[in-house]
Amino acid sequence: MKVDYEGAQWRKSRHSGPDGNCVEVAFLRDGNVAVRDTKDRGAGPVLAFAPGEWDAFMSGVTEGEFRRA
């Protein structure tokens, strides 16, 4: 998937600590969602998800699918 990150407005959770140990999310103009490691500030890898993939992930989070056993 080719993703255009230009103009992306990155944000992180308000629950994130000050140590930069979190991730940032950007909702892109084309509908895709990008995720990156905060401490890398764009120098590291960026993951991109199609809208349906992001929705499935968020449903899993909301429904507790990723809780530790």
PDB file of N, CA and C in Angstrom:
ATOM      1  N   MET A   1       0.860  -1.174   0.000  1.00  0.00           N
ATOM      2  CA  MET A   1       0.000   0.000   0.000  1.00  0.00           C
ATOM      3  C   MET A   1       0.906   1.237   0.000  1.00  0.00           C
ATOM      4  N   LYS A   2       0.684   2.138  -0.923  1.00  0.00           N
ATOM      5  CA  LYS A   2       1.424   3.401  -0.957  1.00  0.00           C
ATOM      6  C   LYS A   2       0.625   4.420  -0.153  1.00  0.00           C
ATOM      7  N   VAL A   3       1.276   5.020   0.819  1.00  0.00           N
ATOM      8  CA  VAL A   3       0.585   5.923   1.733  1.00  0.00           C
ATOM      9  C   VAL A   3       1.257   7.293   1.705  1.00  0.00           C
ATOM     10  N   ASP A   4       0.458   8.330   1.641  1.00  0.00           N
ATOM     11  CA  ASP A   4       0.950   9.711   1.652  1.00  0.00           C
ATOM     12  C   ASP A   4       0.824  10.267   3.067  1.00  0.00           C
ATOM     13  N   TYR A   5       1.976  10.499   3.725  1.00  0.00           N
ATOM     14  CA  TYR A   5       1.979  11.008   5.101  1.00  0.00           C
ATOM     15  C   TYR A   5       2.034  12.529   5.166  1.00  0.00           C
ATOM     16  N   GLU A   6       2.137  13.172   4.014  1.00  0.00           N
ATOM     17  CA  GLU A   6       2.240  14.637   3.994  1.00  0.00           C
ATOM     18  C   GLU A   6       1.017  15.261   4.657  1.00  0.00           C
ATOM     19  N   GLY A   7       1.256  16.193   5.524  1.00  0.00           N
ATOM     20  CA  GLY A   7       0.178  16.886   6.221  1.00  0.00           C
ATOM     21  C   GLY A   7      -0.429  16.092   7.369  1.00  0.00           C
ATOM     22  N   ALA A   8       0.158  14.924   7.674  1.00  0.00           N
ATOM     23  CA  ALA A   8      -0.376  14.103   8.764  1.00  0.00           C
ATOM     24  C   ALA A   8      -0.278  14.861  10.082  1.00  0.00           C
ATOM     25  N   GLN A   9      -1.330  14.794  10.852  1.00  0.00           N
ATOM     26  CA  GLN A   9      -1.334  15.401  12.182  1.00  0.00           C
ATOM     27  C   GLN A   9      -1.260  14.269  13.195  1.00  0.00           C
ATOM     28  N   TRP A  10      -0.069  14.081  13.718  1.00  0.00           N
ATOM     29  CA  TRP A  10       0.176  12.989  14.653  1.00  0.00           C
ATOM     30  C   TRP A  10      -0.330  13.360  16.044  1.00  0.00           C
ATOM     31  N   ARG A  11      -0.918  12.375  16.698  1.00  0.00           N
ATOM     32  CA  ARG A  11      -1.380  12.606  18.071  1.00  0.00           C
ATOM     33  C   ARG A  11      -1.150  11.354  18.892  1.00  0.00           C
ATOM     34  N   LYS A  12      -1.008  11.564  20.187  1.00  0.00           N
ATOM     35  CA  LYS A  12      -0.852  10.435  21.096  1.00  0.00           C
ATOM     36  C   LYS A  12      -1.900  10.547  22.194  1.00  0.00           C
ATOM     37  N   SER A  13      -2.091   9.490  22.905  1.00  0.00           N
ATOM     38  CA  SER A  13      -3.083   9.448  23.971  1.00  0.00           C
ATOM     39  C   SER A  13      -2.771  10.470  25.049  1.00  0.00           C
ATOM     40  N   ARG A  14      -3.782  11.057  25.593  1.00  0.00           N
ATOM     41  CA  ARG A  14      -3.579  11.983  26.713  1.00  0.00           C
ATOM     42  C   ARG A  14      -3.132  11.225  27.959  1.00  0.00           C
ATOM     43  N   HIS A  15      -3.211   9.902  27.935  1.00  0.00           N
ATOM     44  CA  HIS A  15      -2.770   9.071  29.054  1.00  0.00           C
ATOM     45  C   HIS A  15      -1.284   8.718  28.950  1.00  0.00           C
ATOM     46  N   SER A  16      -0.620   9.159  27.881  1.00  0.00           N
ATOM     47  CA  SER A  16       0.794   8.859  27.679  1.00  0.00           C
ATOM     48  C   SER A  16       1.645   9.583  28.711  1.00  0.00           C
ATOM     49  N   GLY A  17       2.715   8.933  29.093  1.00  0.00           N
ATOM     50  CA  GLY A  17       3.633   9.540  30.042  1.00  0.00           C
ATOM     51  C   GLY A  17       4.603  10.479  29.342  1.00  0.00           C
ATOM     52  N   PRO A  18       5.385  11.230  30.115  1.00  0.00           N
ATOM     53  CA  PRO A  18       6.313  12.197  29.543  1.00  0.00           C
ATOM     54  C   PRO A  18       7.595  11.587  28.983  1.00  0.00           C
ATOM     55  N   ASP A  19       7.800  10.284  29.163  1.00  0.00           N
ATOM     56  CA  ASP A  19       9.048   9.653  28.741  1.00  0.00           C
ATOM     57  C   ASP A  19       9.103   9.306  27.258  1.00  0.00           C
ATOM     58  N   GLY A  20       8.027   9.571  26.499  1.00  0.00           N
ATOM     59  CA  GLY A  20       8.010   9.294  25.070  1.00  0.00           C
ATOM     60  C   GLY A  20       7.873   7.825  24.740  1.00  0.00           C
ATOM     61  N   ASN A  21       7.476   7.021  25.699  1.00  0.00           N
ATOM     62  CA  ASN A  21       7.339   5.588  25.506  1.00  0.00           C
ATOM     63  C   ASN A  21       5.899   5.256  25.120  1.00  0.00           C
ATOM     64  N   CYS A  22       5.520   5.670  23.916  1.00  0.00           N
ATOM     65  CA  CYS A  22       4.158   5.437  23.458  1.00  0.00           C
ATOM     66  C   CYS A  22       4.135   5.472  21.928  1.00  0.00           C
ATOM     67  N   VAL A  23       2.958   5.417  21.371  1.00  0.00           N
ATOM     68  CA  VAL A  23       2.805   5.499  19.927  1.00  0.00           C
ATOM     69  C   VAL A  23       1.943   6.698  19.563  1.00  0.00           C
ATOM     70  N   GLU A  24       2.079   7.133  18.319  1.00  0.00           N
ATOM     71  CA  GLU A  24       1.261   8.224  17.793  1.00  0.00           C
ATOM     72  C   GLU A  24       0.440   7.690  16.628  1.00  0.00           C
ATOM     73  N   VAL A  25      -0.724   8.267  16.436  1.00  0.00           N
ATOM     74  CA  VAL A  25      -1.629   7.866  15.368  1.00  0.00           C
ATOM     75  C   VAL A  25      -1.960   9.090  14.528  1.00  0.00           C
ATOM     76  N   ALA A  26      -2.076   8.880  13.214  1.00  0.00           N
ATOM     77  CA  ALA A  26      -2.503   9.950  12.314  1.00  0.00           C
ATOM     78  C   ALA A  26      -3.590   9.395  11.400  1.00  0.00           C
ATOM     79  N   PHE A  27      -4.694  10.101  11.317  1.00  0.00           N
ATOM     80  CA  PHE A  27      -5.760   9.754  10.388  1.00  0.00           C
ATOM     81  C   PHE A  27      -5.501  10.544   9.108  1.00  0.00           C
ATOM     82  N   LEU A  28      -5.179   9.842   8.040  1.00  0.00           N
ATOM     83  CA  LEU A  28      -4.716  10.458   6.813  1.00  0.00           C
ATOM     84  C   LEU A  28      -5.861  10.868   5.889  1.00  0.00           C
ATOM     85  N   ARG A  29      -5.555  11.782   4.991  1.00  0.00           N
ATOM     86  CA  ARG A  29      -6.574  12.307   4.061  1.00  0.00           C
ATOM     87  C   ARG A  29      -7.222  11.228   3.217  1.00  0.00           C
ATOM     88  N   ASP A  30      -6.466  10.184   2.878  1.00  0.00           N
ATOM     89  CA  ASP A  30      -7.004   9.129   2.014  1.00  0.00           C
ATOM     90  C   ASP A  30      -7.810   8.084   2.778  1.00  0.00           C
ATOM     91  N   GLY A  31      -7.981   8.284   4.088  1.00  0.00           N
ATOM     92  CA  GLY A  31      -8.767   7.363   4.900  1.00  0.00           C
ATOM     93  C   GLY A  31      -7.934   6.337   5.644  1.00  0.00           C
ATOM     94  N   ASN A  32      -6.669   6.187   5.249  1.00  0.00           N
ATOM     95  CA  ASN A  32      -5.792   5.246   5.945  1.00  0.00           C
ATOM     96  C   ASN A  32      -5.404   5.800   7.318  1.00  0.00           C
ATOM     97  N   VAL A  33      -4.895   4.916   8.161  1.00  0.00           N
ATOM     98  CA  VAL A  33      -4.462   5.300   9.501  1.00  0.00           C
ATOM     99  C   VAL A  33      -2.997   4.904   9.648  1.00  0.00           C
ATOM    100  N   ALA A  34      -2.173   5.828  10.117  1.00  0.00           N
ATOM    101  CA  ALA A  34      -0.749   5.572  10.301  1.00  0.00           C
ATOM    102  C   ALA A  34      -0.408   5.547  11.784  1.00  0.00           C
ATOM    103  N   VAL A  35       0.563   4.698  12.142  1.00  0.00           N
ATOM    104  CA  VAL A  35       0.997   4.553  13.534  1.00  0.00           C
ATOM    105  C   VAL A  35       2.519   4.577  13.550  1.00  0.00           C
ATOM    106  N   ARG A  36       3.090   5.330  14.502  1.00  0.00           N
ATOM    107  CA  ARG A  36       4.544   5.375  14.641  1.00  0.00           C
ATOM    108  C   ARG A  36       4.920   5.447  16.112  1.00  0.00           C
ATOM    109  N   ASP A  37       6.178   5.131  16.400  1.00  0.00           N
ATOM    110  CA  ASP A  37       6.720   5.200  17.747  1.00  0.00           C
ATOM    111  C   ASP A  37       7.054   6.657  18.057  1.00  0.00           C
ATOM    112  N   THR A  38       6.546   7.174  19.147  1.00  0.00           N
ATOM    113  CA  THR A  38       6.737   8.582  19.504  1.00  0.00           C
ATOM    114  C   THR A  38       8.205   8.976  19.572  1.00  0.00           C
ATOM    115  N   LYS A  39       9.032   8.142  20.175  1.00  0.00           N
ATOM    116  CA  LYS A  39      10.432   8.537  20.376  1.00  0.00           C
ATOM    117  C   LYS A  39      11.201   8.646  19.058  1.00  0.00           C
ATOM    118  N   ASP A  40      10.722   8.006  17.996  1.00  0.00           N
ATOM    119  CA  ASP A  40      11.403   8.071  16.695  1.00  0.00           C
ATOM    120  C   ASP A  40      11.074   9.338  15.909  1.00  0.00           C
ATOM    121  N   ARG A  41       9.947   9.970  16.213  1.00  0.00           N
ATOM    122  CA  ARG A  41       9.533  11.226  15.565  1.00  0.00           C
ATOM    123  C   ARG A  41       9.718  11.214  14.049  1.00  0.00           C
ATOM    124  N   GLY A  42       9.260  10.148  13.430  1.00  0.00           N
ATOM    125  CA  GLY A  42       9.302  10.084  11.976  1.00  0.00           C
ATOM    126  C   GLY A  42      10.565   9.489  11.400  1.00  0.00           C
ATOM    127  N   ALA A  43      11.584   9.240  12.215  1.00  0.00           N
ATOM    128  CA  ALA A  43      12.829   8.671  11.713  1.00  0.00           C
ATOM    129  C   ALA A  43      12.744   7.143  11.626  1.00  0.00           C
ATOM    130  N   GLY A  44      11.820   6.557  12.335  1.00  0.00           N
ATOM    131  CA  GLY A  44      11.672   5.103  12.344  1.00  0.00           C
ATOM    132  C   GLY A  44      10.559   4.661  11.417  1.00  0.00           C
ATOM    133  N   PRO A  45      10.217   3.396  11.474  1.00  0.00           N
ATOM    134  CA  PRO A  45       9.164   2.878  10.601  1.00  0.00           C
ATOM    135  C   PRO A  45       7.789   3.427  10.964  1.00  0.00           C
ATOM    136  N   VAL A  46       6.935   3.485   9.963  1.00  0.00           N
ATOM    137  CA  VAL A  46       5.539   3.894  10.144  1.00  0.00           C
ATOM    138  C   VAL A  46       4.677   2.770   9.611  1.00  0.00           C
ATOM    139  N   LEU A  47       3.728   2.322  10.402  1.00  0.00           N
ATOM    140  CA  LEU A  47       2.782   1.304   9.967  1.00  0.00           C
ATOM    141  C   LEU A  47       1.546   1.992   9.407  1.00  0.00           C
ATOM    142  N   ALA A  48       1.007   1.450   8.326  1.00  0.00           N
ATOM    143  CA  ALA A  48      -0.200   2.028   7.725  1.00  0.00           C
ATOM    144  C   ALA A  48      -1.283   0.959   7.662  1.00  0.00           C
ATOM    145  N   PHE A  49      -2.498   1.373   7.976  1.00  0.00           N
ATOM    146  CA  PHE A  49      -3.641   0.466   7.990  1.00  0.00           C
ATOM    147  C   PHE A  49      -4.773   1.035   7.152  1.00  0.00           C
ATOM    148  N   ALA A  50      -5.433   0.179   6.402  1.00  0.00           N
ATOM    149  CA  ALA A  50      -6.640   0.570   5.682  1.00  0.00           C
ATOM    150  C   ALA A  50      -7.746   0.795   6.711  1.00  0.00           C
ATOM    151  N   PRO A  51      -8.752   1.577   6.370  1.00  0.00           N
ATOM    152  CA  PRO A  51      -9.815   1.858   7.345  1.00  0.00           C
ATOM    153  C   PRO A  51     -10.440   0.605   7.967  1.00  0.00           C
ATOM    154  N   GLY A  52     -10.708  -0.410   7.180  1.00  0.00           N
ATOM    155  CA  GLY A  52     -11.311  -1.636   7.706  1.00  0.00           C
ATOM    156  C   GLY A  52     -10.386  -2.370   8.665  1.00  0.00           C
ATOM    157  N   GLU A  53      -9.094  -2.346   8.375  1.00  0.00           N
ATOM    158  CA  GLU A  53      -8.117  -2.971   9.270  1.00  0.00           C
ATOM    159  C   GLU A  53      -8.083  -2.245  10.606  1.00  0.00           C
ATOM    160  N   TRP A  54      -8.092  -0.918  10.556  1.00  0.00           N
ATOM    161  CA  TRP A  54      -8.069  -0.122  11.790  1.00  0.00           C
ATOM    162  C   TRP A  54      -9.342  -0.363  12.600  1.00  0.00           C
ATOM    163  N   ASP A  55     -10.485  -0.395  11.927  1.00  0.00           N
ATOM    164  CA  ASP A  55     -11.748  -0.637  12.618  1.00  0.00           C
ATOM    165  C   ASP A  55     -11.752  -2.003  13.299  1.00  0.00           C
ATOM    166  N   ALA A  56     -11.214  -3.018  12.619  1.00  0.00           N
ATOM    167  CA  ALA A  56     -11.146  -4.363  13.207  1.00  0.00           C
ATOM    168  C   ALA A  56     -10.235  -4.363  14.435  1.00  0.00           C
ATOM    169  N   PHE A  57      -9.104  -3.672  14.345  1.00  0.00           N
ATOM    170  CA  PHE A  57      -8.193  -3.573  15.485  1.00  0.00           C
ATOM    171  C   PHE A  57      -8.877  -2.884  16.662  1.00  0.00           C
ATOM    172  N   MET A  58      -9.511  -1.757  16.407  1.00  0.00           N
ATOM    173  CA  MET A  58     -10.167  -1.016  17.486  1.00  0.00           C
ATOM    174  C   MET A  58     -11.298  -1.825  18.116  1.00  0.00           C
ATOM    175  N   SER A  59     -12.018  -2.588  17.317  1.00  0.00           N
ATOM    176  CA  SER A  59     -13.059  -3.465  17.870  1.00  0.00           C
ATOM    177  C   SER A  59     -12.446  -4.497  18.800  1.00  0.00           C
ATOM    178  N   GLY A  60     -11.304  -5.061  18.383  1.00  0.00           N
ATOM    179  CA  GLY A  60     -10.609  -6.033  19.231  1.00  0.00           C
ATOM    180  C   GLY A  60     -10.163  -5.432  20.541  1.00  0.00           C
ATOM    181  N   VAL A  61      -9.666  -4.195  20.488  1.00  0.00           N
ATOM    182  CA  VAL A  61      -9.243  -3.509  21.718  1.00  0.00           C
ATOM    183  C   VAL A  61     -10.448  -3.291  22.629  1.00  0.00           C
ATOM    184  N   THR A  62     -11.513  -2.769  22.058  1.00  0.00           N
ATOM    185  CA  THR A  62     -12.720  -2.461  22.830  1.00  0.00           C
ATOM    186  C   THR A  62     -13.327  -3.717  23.462  1.00  0.00           C
ATOM    187  N   GLU A  63     -13.278  -4.825  22.741  1.00  0.00           N
ATOM    188  CA  GLU A  63     -13.886  -6.065  23.217  1.00  0.00           C
ATOM    189  C   GLU A  63     -12.946  -6.907  24.068  1.00  0.00           C
ATOM    190  N   GLY A  64     -11.729  -6.415  24.333  1.00  0.00           N
ATOM    191  CA  GLY A  64     -10.813  -7.119  25.207  1.00  0.00           C
ATOM    192  C   GLY A  64     -10.068  -8.270  24.557  1.00  0.00           C
ATOM    193  N   GLU A  65     -10.055  -8.321  23.243  1.00  0.00           N
ATOM    194  CA  GLU A  65      -9.423  -9.424  22.520  1.00  0.00           C
ATOM    195  C   GLU A  65      -7.915  -9.538  22.805  1.00  0.00           C
ATOM    196  N   PHE A  66      -7.281  -8.435  23.152  1.00  0.00           N
ATOM    197  CA  PHE A  66      -5.825  -8.428  23.304  1.00  0.00           C
ATOM    198  C   PHE A  66      -5.364  -8.445  24.755  1.00  0.00           C
ATOM    199  N   ARG A  67      -6.260  -8.728  25.668  1.00  0.00           N
ATOM    200  CA  ARG A  67      -5.862  -8.798  27.080  1.00  0.00           C
ATOM    201  C   ARG A  67      -4.946  -9.982  27.311  1.00  0.00           C
ATOM    202  N   ARG A  68      -4.020  -9.791  28.225  1.00  0.00           N
ATOM    203  CA  ARG A  68      -3.132 -10.894  28.583  1.00  0.00           C
ATOM    204  C   ARG A  68      -3.923 -11.974  29.310  1.00  0.00           C
ATOM    205  N   ALA A  69      -3.575 -13.195  29.033  1.00  0.00           N
ATOM    206  CA  ALA A  69      -4.293 -14.319  29.657  1.00  0.00           C
ATOM    207  C   ALA A  69      -3.928 -14.461  31.109  1.00  0.00           C
TER     208      ALA A  69
END
